[in-house]
Protein backbone atom coordinates (compact mmCIF):
# COMPACT_ATOMS: atom_id res chain seq x y z
CA MET A 1 -17.95 -15.21 8.52
CA THR A 2 -21.02 -15.77 6.40
CA CYS A 3 -20.25 -15.63 2.69
CA ARG A 4 -22.56 -13.36 0.65
CA LEU A 5 -24.49 -15.25 -2.00
CA THR A 6 -22.72 -13.36 -4.76
CA LEU A 7 -19.36 -14.49 -3.43
CA VAL A 8 -20.03 -18.13 -2.64
CA ALA A 9 -17.89 -19.31 -5.54
CA VAL A 10 -14.89 -17.37 -4.29
CA CYS A 11 -15.35 -18.63 -0.76
CA LEU A 12 -15.66 -22.24 -1.89
CA ALA A 13 -12.60 -21.95 -4.09
CA ALA A 14 -10.57 -20.61 -1.20
CA GLY A 15 -11.76 -23.36 1.10
CA ALA A 16 -11.01 -26.04 -1.45
CA ALA A 17 -7.50 -24.79 -2.11
CA GLY A 18 -6.28 -25.50 1.41
CA SER A 19 -2.82 -24.22 0.54
CA VAL A 20 -2.13 -21.77 3.34
CA PRO A 21 1.65 -21.61 3.92
CA ALA A 22 3.09 -22.84 7.21
CA ALA A 23 2.56 -20.33 10.00
CA ALA A 24 5.39 -18.51 11.69
CA SER A 25 6.24 -19.58 15.20
CA ALA A 26 4.89 -17.90 18.33
CA GLN A 27 8.07 -15.82 18.48
CA GLY A 28 7.04 -13.99 15.31
CA LEU A 29 9.20 -14.33 12.22
CA PRO A 30 12.15 -16.49 13.30
CA ARG A 31 15.41 -15.99 11.46
CA THR A 32 17.03 -18.87 9.61
CA ALA A 33 19.76 -19.48 7.06
CA PRO A 34 18.67 -18.78 3.47
CA GLU A 35 19.59 -22.31 2.40
CA ALA A 36 17.07 -23.72 4.87
CA VAL A 37 14.26 -22.22 2.79
CA GLY A 38 15.68 -22.64 -0.68
CA LEU A 39 17.65 -19.42 -1.14
CA SER A 40 21.33 -18.89 -1.86
CA SER A 41 23.31 -16.88 0.72
CA GLU A 42 25.89 -16.03 -1.91
CA ARG A 43 23.30 -14.58 -4.27
CA LEU A 44 21.64 -12.64 -1.46
CA GLU A 45 25.04 -11.15 -0.75
CA GLU A 46 25.05 -10.03 -4.36
CA ALA A 47 21.68 -8.35 -3.71
CA THR A 48 23.29 -6.49 -0.82
CA ALA A 49 26.23 -5.51 -2.98
CA GLY A 50 23.82 -4.13 -5.55
CA LEU A 51 22.07 -1.98 -2.96
CA ARG A 52 25.40 -0.77 -1.67
CA ALA A 53 26.38 0.27 -5.18
CA HIS A 54 23.19 2.32 -5.49
CA VAL A 55 23.97 4.05 -2.18
CA GLU A 56 27.56 4.76 -3.19
CA ALA A 57 26.39 6.12 -6.54
CA GLY A 58 24.06 8.56 -4.78
CA ASP A 59 20.88 7.04 -6.16
CA VAL A 60 19.49 6.76 -2.65
CA ALA A 61 20.91 7.93 0.69
CA GLY A 62 20.03 4.77 2.56
CA VAL A 63 17.87 1.68 2.34
CA VAL A 64 16.48 -1.19 4.41
CA ALA A 65 15.35 -4.44 2.80
CA GLY A 66 13.91 -7.68 4.14
CA VAL A 67 12.90 -11.09 2.81
CA VAL A 68 10.75 -13.75 4.45
CA ARG A 69 10.39 -17.16 2.83
CA ARG A 70 8.33 -20.08 4.11
CA GLY A 71 7.57 -18.08 7.24
CA ARG A 72 11.26 -17.50 8.07
CA LEU A 73 13.17 -14.24 8.03
CA VAL A 74 16.22 -14.86 5.87
CA TYR A 75 17.35 -11.36 4.99
CA LEU A 76 17.30 -7.99 6.77
CA GLU A 77 19.91 -5.43 5.78
CA ALA A 78 20.36 -1.70 6.39
CA LEU A 79 22.76 0.29 4.22
CA GLY A 80 23.80 3.91 3.86
CA ALA A 81 22.59 6.90 5.83
CA LEU A 82 19.34 7.52 7.65
CA ASP A 83 20.10 11.23 8.10
CA ARG A 84 23.25 12.64 6.58
CA GLU A 85 22.88 16.02 8.24
CA ARG A 86 22.67 14.47 11.72
CA GLY A 87 25.31 11.86 10.93
CA LEU A 88 22.93 8.95 11.53
CA ALA A 89 23.61 5.64 9.82
CA MET A 90 20.74 3.60 8.46
CA ARG A 91 19.36 0.99 10.86
CA ASP A 92 17.07 -1.96 10.28
CA ASP A 93 14.34 -0.47 12.50
CA ALA A 94 14.29 2.86 10.64
CA LEU A 95 10.92 4.41 9.88
CA PHE A 96 9.92 5.42 6.37
CA ARG A 97 7.08 7.33 4.77
CA LEU A 98 4.75 4.70 3.33
CA TYR A 99 2.66 7.00 1.15
CA SER A 100 0.68 4.64 -1.11
CA MET A 101 1.69 1.58 0.89
CA THR A 102 -0.76 2.96 3.47
CA ARG A 103 -3.60 1.94 1.15
CA PRO A 104 -3.44 -1.86 1.57
CA ILE A 105 -3.61 -1.32 5.34
CA THR A 106 -6.75 0.81 4.96
CA SER A 107 -8.27 -1.81 2.66
CA LEU A 108 -7.57 -4.45 5.31
CA ALA A 109 -9.38 -2.32 7.90
CA ALA A 110 -12.41 -2.06 5.63
CA MET A 111 -12.51 -5.79 4.96
CA ILE A 112 -12.35 -6.58 8.68
CA LEU A 113 -15.61 -4.65 8.95
CA TRP A 114 -17.00 -6.33 5.83
CA GLU A 115 -16.57 -9.66 7.58
CA GLU A 116 -18.64 -8.22 10.43
CA ASP A 117 -21.46 -7.36 7.98
CA ARG A 118 -21.10 -3.61 8.49
CA PHE A 119 -21.50 -3.02 4.75
CA GLU A 120 -21.78 -4.69 1.34
CA LEU A 121 -19.30 -4.09 -1.44
CA ASP A 122 -22.03 -2.83 -3.76
CA ASP A 123 -23.44 -0.39 -1.20
CA PRO A 124 -23.58 3.21 -2.46
CA VAL A 125 -21.01 5.41 -0.74
CA SER A 126 -23.77 7.99 -0.28
CA LEU A 127 -25.60 5.55 2.00
CA TYR A 128 -22.93 6.29 4.62
CA LEU A 129 -21.58 9.66 3.39
CA PRO A 130 -24.64 11.62 2.16
CA GLU A 131 -22.45 14.44 0.85
CA PHE A 132 -21.73 12.27 -2.19
CA ALA A 133 -25.41 11.83 -3.08
CA ASN A 134 -25.63 14.57 -5.70
CA GLN A 135 -22.03 14.72 -6.89
CA ARG A 136 -21.71 15.67 -10.55
CA VAL A 137 -19.13 14.77 -13.21
CA PHE A 138 -16.79 17.03 -15.18
CA THR A 139 -17.88 17.40 -18.78
CA ASP A 140 -14.25 17.03 -19.87
CA ALA A 141 -11.91 15.17 -17.52
CA ALA A 142 -8.87 16.36 -19.49
CA THR A 143 -9.68 20.03 -18.76
CA PRO A 144 -11.83 19.97 -15.62
CA ASP A 145 -13.86 23.10 -15.09
CA MET A 146 -16.02 23.61 -12.00
CA ALA A 147 -18.59 25.35 -14.19
CA ALA A 148 -18.73 22.61 -16.86
CA THR A 149 -20.38 19.54 -15.36
CA ARG A 150 -23.11 17.01 -16.02
CA PRO A 151 -25.24 14.70 -13.87
CA ARG A 152 -23.65 11.46 -12.73
CA ALA A 153 -24.84 8.38 -14.65
CA THR A 154 -23.81 5.68 -12.16
CA GLU A 155 -23.65 5.36 -8.37
CA MET A 156 -20.29 5.26 -6.60
CA THR A 157 -20.01 2.10 -4.49
CA VAL A 158 -17.65 0.95 -1.76
CA GLU A 159 -16.06 -1.49 -4.20
CA HIS A 160 -15.35 1.37 -6.58
CA LEU A 161 -13.31 3.01 -3.80
CA LEU A 162 -11.35 -0.20 -3.21
CA LEU A 163 -10.70 -0.64 -6.93
CA HIS A 164 -9.92 3.01 -7.79
CA THR A 165 -12.78 3.10 -10.25
CA SER A 166 -14.76 5.67 -8.26
CA GLY A 167 -14.19 8.63 -10.56
CA LEU A 168 -12.26 10.47 -7.85
CA GLY A 169 -8.97 12.03 -8.91
CA SER A 170 -5.38 12.09 -7.72
CA ARG A 171 -4.43 14.08 -4.64
CA GLY A 172 -1.97 15.97 -6.85
CA SER A 173 -4.37 16.82 -9.68
CA PRO A 174 -4.36 20.55 -10.53
CA ILE A 175 -8.10 20.99 -9.91
CA TYR A 176 -7.80 19.37 -6.48
CA ARG A 177 -4.88 21.62 -5.65
CA ALA A 178 -6.77 24.69 -6.83
CA GLU A 179 -9.80 23.69 -4.75
CA GLN A 180 -7.60 22.67 -1.77
CA VAL A 181 -9.28 19.30 -1.54
CA ARG A 182 -6.46 17.59 0.32
CA LEU A 183 -4.38 19.34 2.99
CA ARG A 184 -2.72 17.67 5.98
CA SER A 185 -3.84 20.69 8.00
CA ILE A 186 -7.56 19.86 7.71
CA PRO A 187 -9.47 17.01 9.42
CA LEU A 188 -10.67 13.97 7.50
CA PRO A 189 -14.40 14.92 7.47
CA GLN A 190 -13.51 18.25 5.87
CA MET A 191 -11.41 16.56 3.20
CA VAL A 192 -14.31 14.24 2.46
CA ASP A 193 -16.61 17.24 2.12
CA ASN A 194 -14.09 18.85 -0.25
CA ALA A 195 -13.86 15.70 -2.35
CA ALA A 196 -17.64 15.49 -2.63
CA ARG A 197 -17.91 19.19 -3.54
CA VAL A 198 -15.60 18.81 -6.55
CA PRO A 199 -17.12 16.89 -9.49
CA LEU A 200 -15.92 13.42 -10.45
CA PHE A 201 -13.59 12.95 -13.41
CA GLU A 202 -15.83 10.27 -14.91
CA ASP A 203 -18.79 8.12 -13.98
CA PRO A 204 -17.99 5.51 -11.33
CA GLY A 205 -17.10 2.13 -12.76
CA THR A 206 -16.00 3.43 -16.16
CA ARG A 207 -12.25 3.93 -15.71
CA TRP A 208 -9.39 2.95 -13.39
CA ARG A 209 -7.99 6.21 -12.00
CA TYR A 210 -5.56 6.09 -9.09
CA GLY A 211 -6.63 8.73 -6.63
CA ILE A 212 -7.98 9.68 -3.22
CA SER A 213 -10.48 6.82 -3.07
CA THR A 214 -8.69 5.11 -0.18
CA THR A 215 -8.78 8.23 1.96
CA ILE A 216 -12.55 8.29 1.56
CA LEU A 217 -12.53 4.60 2.51
CA GLY A 218 -10.74 5.52 5.73
CA ARG A 219 -13.60 7.86 6.61
CA LEU A 220 -16.05 5.03 5.95
CA VAL A 221 -14.11 2.86 8.42
CA GLU A 222 -14.84 5.53 11.01
CA VAL A 223 -18.54 5.57 10.15
CA TRP A 224 -18.88 1.77 10.15
CA SER A 225 -16.87 1.21 13.34
CA GLY A 226 -17.83 4.30 15.34
CA MET A 227 -14.12 4.82 16.09
CA PRO A 228 -11.50 7.33 14.89
CA PHE A 229 -9.60 5.79 12.01
CA ASP A 230 -6.22 5.78 13.75
CA GLU A 231 -7.69 4.14 16.85
CA PHE A 232 -9.35 1.44 14.76
CA LEU A 233 -6.07 0.64 13.02
CA ARG A 234 -4.21 0.51 16.32
CA GLU A 235 -6.73 -1.77 18.06
CA ARG A 236 -7.73 -4.04 15.19
CA VAL A 237 -4.59 -4.19 13.03
CA PHE A 238 -1.36 -2.89 14.54
CA GLU A 239 -1.57 -4.27 18.08
CA PRO A 240 -2.82 -7.75 17.03
CA LEU A 241 -0.10 -8.01 14.38
CA GLY A 242 2.68 -6.64 16.56
CA MET A 243 3.22 -3.68 14.21
CA THR A 244 4.63 -1.52 16.97
CA ASP A 245 6.14 1.17 14.75
CA THR A 246 3.37 1.87 12.22
CA VAL A 247 2.05 5.31 13.13
CA PHE A 248 0.65 8.54 11.72
CA ARG A 249 3.18 10.66 13.60
CA VAL A 250 6.84 10.12 14.46
CA ASP A 251 6.94 11.10 18.13
CA PRO A 252 10.17 12.12 19.95
CA SER A 253 10.81 8.55 21.12
CA ARG A 254 11.17 7.48 17.47
CA ALA A 255 12.92 10.60 16.15
CA ASP A 256 16.37 9.02 15.91
CA ARG A 257 14.95 6.33 13.63
CA PHE A 258 13.39 8.71 11.12
CA GLY A 259 15.20 10.80 8.54
CA PRO A 260 14.42 13.15 5.68
CA ALA A 261 13.52 12.22 2.16
CA TYR A 262 16.31 13.01 -0.27
CA ARG A 263 16.09 14.48 -3.76
CA PRO A 264 18.89 15.09 -6.30
CA GLY A 265 19.99 18.73 -6.47
CA PRO A 266 21.10 20.66 -9.58
CA ASN A 267 24.38 18.78 -9.73
CA GLY A 268 22.84 15.42 -8.88
CA GLU A 269 23.89 15.43 -5.22
CA LEU A 270 21.24 14.30 -2.73
CA ARG A 271 19.64 16.97 -0.61
CA PRO A 272 16.89 16.79 2.05
CA TYR A 273 13.51 17.49 0.52
CA ALA A 274 10.31 18.39 2.38
CA ILE A 275 7.52 16.56 0.58
CA GLU A 276 4.74 17.54 3.01
CA GLU A 277 3.91 20.98 4.41
CA VAL A 278 3.02 19.32 7.73
CA PRO A 279 5.98 17.01 8.46
CA PHE A 280 5.47 13.52 9.84
CA THR A 281 7.14 14.59 13.09
CA GLU A 282 4.11 16.79 13.83
CA GLN A 283 0.57 15.65 14.54
CA PRO A 284 -1.45 16.21 11.34
CA ALA A 285 -5.09 17.19 11.42
CA LEU A 286 -5.67 14.81 8.52
CA ILE A 287 -5.56 11.14 9.53
CA GLU A 288 -5.37 9.81 6.01
CA GLY A 289 -5.85 6.24 4.85
CA GLY A 290 -4.40 6.97 1.42
CA VAL A 291 -0.88 8.13 2.19
CA GLY A 292 -0.63 8.96 5.90
CA LEU A 293 1.41 6.26 7.66
CA VAL A 294 5.07 5.71 8.44
CA SER A 295 6.38 2.24 9.20
CA THR A 296 9.39 -0.08 9.25
CA VAL A 297 10.44 -2.97 7.07
CA ARG A 298 9.94 -5.27 10.06
CA ASP A 299 6.34 -4.14 10.55
CA TYR A 300 5.47 -4.39 6.88
CA LEU A 301 6.95 -7.88 6.69
CA ARG A 302 4.52 -8.88 9.44
CA PHE A 303 1.58 -7.25 7.68
CA SER A 304 2.49 -9.02 4.42
CA GLN A 305 3.15 -12.39 6.03
CA MET A 306 -0.30 -12.32 7.59
CA PHE A 307 -1.79 -12.20 4.09
CA LEU A 308 0.52 -14.96 2.89
CA GLU A 309 -0.65 -17.13 5.78
CA GLY A 310 -4.32 -16.72 4.89
CA GLY A 311 -5.17 -13.93 7.33
CA GLU A 312 -3.42 -15.22 10.45
CA LEU A 313 -0.04 -14.54 12.09
CA ASP A 314 1.40 -15.92 15.31
CA GLY A 315 -1.93 -17.57 16.12
CA VAL A 316 -3.85 -14.30 15.79
CA ARG A 317 -6.48 -14.29 13.05
CA ILE A 318 -7.19 -10.96 11.38
CA LEU A 319 -9.17 -12.16 8.35
CA GLN A 320 -10.71 -15.40 7.20
CA PRO A 321 -8.88 -17.24 4.38
CA SER A 322 -11.88 -16.75 2.08
CA THR A 323 -11.66 -12.98 2.56
CA VAL A 324 -7.94 -13.01 1.79
CA ALA A 325 -8.73 -14.98 -1.38
CA LEU A 326 -11.38 -12.41 -2.31
CA MET A 327 -9.02 -9.50 -1.65
CA THR A 328 -6.10 -10.75 -3.72
CA VAL A 329 -7.55 -11.46 -7.19
CA ASN A 330 -8.20 -8.93 -9.91
CA ARG A 331 -11.69 -7.38 -9.79
CA VAL A 332 -11.26 -4.66 -12.42
CA PRO A 333 -13.58 -5.47 -15.37
CA ASP A 334 -11.89 -6.59 -18.57
CA ALA A 335 -13.24 -3.52 -20.35
CA LEU A 336 -11.13 -1.27 -18.09
CA LEU A 337 -7.89 -3.23 -18.50
CA PRO A 338 -5.00 -2.72 -18.87
CA ILE A 339 -4.49 -0.27 -16.02
CA GLY A 340 -1.53 1.98 -15.34
CA PHE A 341 -0.17 5.49 -15.02
CA GLY A 342 0.05 7.27 -18.34
CA ASN A 343 0.84 4.27 -20.54
CA PRO A 344 -1.23 1.15 -19.77
CA GLN A 345 0.76 -1.67 -18.18
CA PRO A 346 -0.30 -5.06 -19.58
CA GLY A 347 -0.53 -7.98 -17.20
CA ARG A 348 -1.58 -5.93 -14.18
CA GLY A 349 -4.91 -5.86 -12.41
CA TRP A 350 -6.24 -4.41 -9.19
CA THR A 351 -7.72 -6.25 -6.25
CA LEU A 352 -9.55 -5.05 -3.14
CA GLY A 353 -6.38 -3.31 -1.99
CA PHE A 354 -3.41 -4.37 -4.12
CA CYS A 355 -1.95 -4.40 -7.60
CA VAL A 356 -1.83 -8.00 -8.84
CA VAL A 357 0.29 -9.73 -11.48
CA MET A 358 -2.18 -11.33 -13.89
CA ASP A 359 0.39 -12.30 -16.54
CA GLY A 360 3.87 -13.23 -15.34
CA ASP A 361 5.28 -13.10 -18.87
CA ALA A 362 4.19 -9.46 -19.22
CA SER A 363 5.70 -8.41 -15.90
CA PRO A 364 8.96 -6.43 -16.10
CA LEU A 365 10.03 -8.12 -12.85
CA PRO A 366 10.56 -11.84 -12.21
CA VAL A 367 7.75 -12.19 -9.66
CA SER A 368 5.20 -14.97 -9.99
CA GLU A 369 1.77 -14.71 -11.53
CA GLY A 370 -0.65 -14.06 -8.69
CA THR A 371 1.82 -11.92 -6.74
CA PHE A 372 0.09 -8.97 -5.10
CA TRP A 373 2.09 -5.87 -4.34
CA TRP A 374 2.40 -2.12 -4.36
CA ASP A 375 4.84 0.69 -3.66
CA GLY A 376 5.06 4.23 -2.33
CA SER A 377 6.09 7.54 -3.87
CA SER A 378 9.08 7.93 -1.56
CA GLY A 379 10.95 4.75 -2.46
CA THR A 380 9.14 1.85 -0.79
CA ARG A 381 7.81 -1.39 -2.29
CA PHE A 382 6.59 -4.85 -1.26
CA PHE A 383 5.74 -8.12 -2.99
CA ILE A 384 3.62 -10.96 -1.56
CA ASP A 385 4.27 -14.03 -3.71
CA PRO A 386 2.07 -17.05 -2.88
CA VAL A 387 3.77 -19.26 -5.48
CA GLU A 388 7.23 -18.83 -3.96
CA ASP A 389 5.82 -18.45 -0.43
CA MET A 390 7.87 -15.28 -0.12
CA VAL A 391 7.55 -11.68 1.00
CA THR A 392 9.98 -8.97 -0.10
CA VAL A 393 9.94 -5.46 1.39
CA ILE A 394 12.31 -2.63 0.53
CA MET A 395 12.21 0.92 1.87
CA GLY A 396 14.20 4.02 1.03
CA ALA A 397 13.54 7.74 1.40
CA ALA A 398 13.89 8.93 -2.17
CA SER A 399 11.99 11.64 -4.03
CA PRO A 400 11.26 10.89 -6.78
CA ALA A 401 10.94 7.25 -5.80
CA TYR A 402 12.79 5.68 -8.72
CA GLY A 403 16.35 6.10 -7.38
CA ASN A 404 17.87 4.72 -10.60
CA GLY A 405 15.98 1.46 -10.20
CA PHE A 406 17.33 0.37 -6.81
CA ARG A 407 14.07 -1.39 -5.94
CA GLU A 408 13.81 -3.21 -9.25
CA ALA A 409 17.43 -4.36 -9.10
CA PHE A 410 16.97 -5.70 -5.58
CA THR A 411 13.83 -7.63 -6.51
CA ALA A 412 15.55 -9.22 -9.49
CA ALA A 413 18.51 -10.20 -7.30
CA VAL A 414 16.29 -11.81 -4.66
CA TYR A 415 14.47 -13.91 -7.25
CA ALA A 416 17.80 -14.91 -8.77
CA ALA A 417 18.71 -16.27 -5.31
CA ILE A 418 15.92 -18.89 -5.40
CA VAL A 419 17.50 -22.34 -5.75
CA ASP A 420 14.63 -24.51 -4.51
């Protein structure tokens, strides 16, 4: 890859670091005893006991969690029920709705094409999607009104999409629902048209707003590659990485490994809850890079380990180390920090695809500074920690995702297991 002149410093810094962790063997992620990589088996058993307590308390119906350290799989546990109604126990190859954990995968797809010089980060989105050329901005983002708009002051760029500073709103925002911007029953080009038809909430580059930016990025992947988005992911990401169970639809061959999401009922008991009108067992019209994939803990461990190993896994290179370095540092301007939902969350930034811990002391979890991570709105989460050379992935099927803090408790227990 040829580094752009504006990014030479980043590329040189990555090359000088030379600290890519040891690669996994050709067999993938070989399993080893926790003590062999500086973790305590006893304390990991306590992590399992904690998850079991959450299941028994009814916080979550079932859960799968995995840990890889120094390129070795040291923990993979499945607890509880996959599908209570069908009497299916949880299994370690269960599939879960990724929701927002789809977004780092879409960002990876875009950066593969960036390495191939298909676009520049500061390119206007309208250069490739002309429907955004004359998009206006709501006069008042707090009370958006289709009749109260103003001209846009700044151009939306590809980097704005990656950073969630595009001005686009959340898929669940009332105005988007009223205008039917995002439906799984419509194709991606139509959703893009809908998103361009509705005004922006603010000028691009002026605020971090978590929204549908990554879905628009998925459409750009189609334009840049000349391939349907799902085919590009399969050929350039999933097959090379051995992510055999990361899909947009759970077909009949996988049906016994996929269960419902569960939500507490009036008395607190868990009940199946249909989050989407078009279920993931049916083929959606919308192939969506923002929230559309299902996957397994095993597959997401492989995706994450590839980043930890500088863009390569099992001898297959997906990205150059310099691109991984570029993708995993905060790029949100200081003026827009701190970012967060509702209340700002100090110590967090956003990279070209991930949330990143900028201040370890400000983090509510014991992960290292420089850890890049994210989660999903149905109870999934991952951490990629370069300092500890460790990946942690946990997946449940909970709505809302919190589940009385089962993910947070597990993360804390895993970090408490580090002895070397």
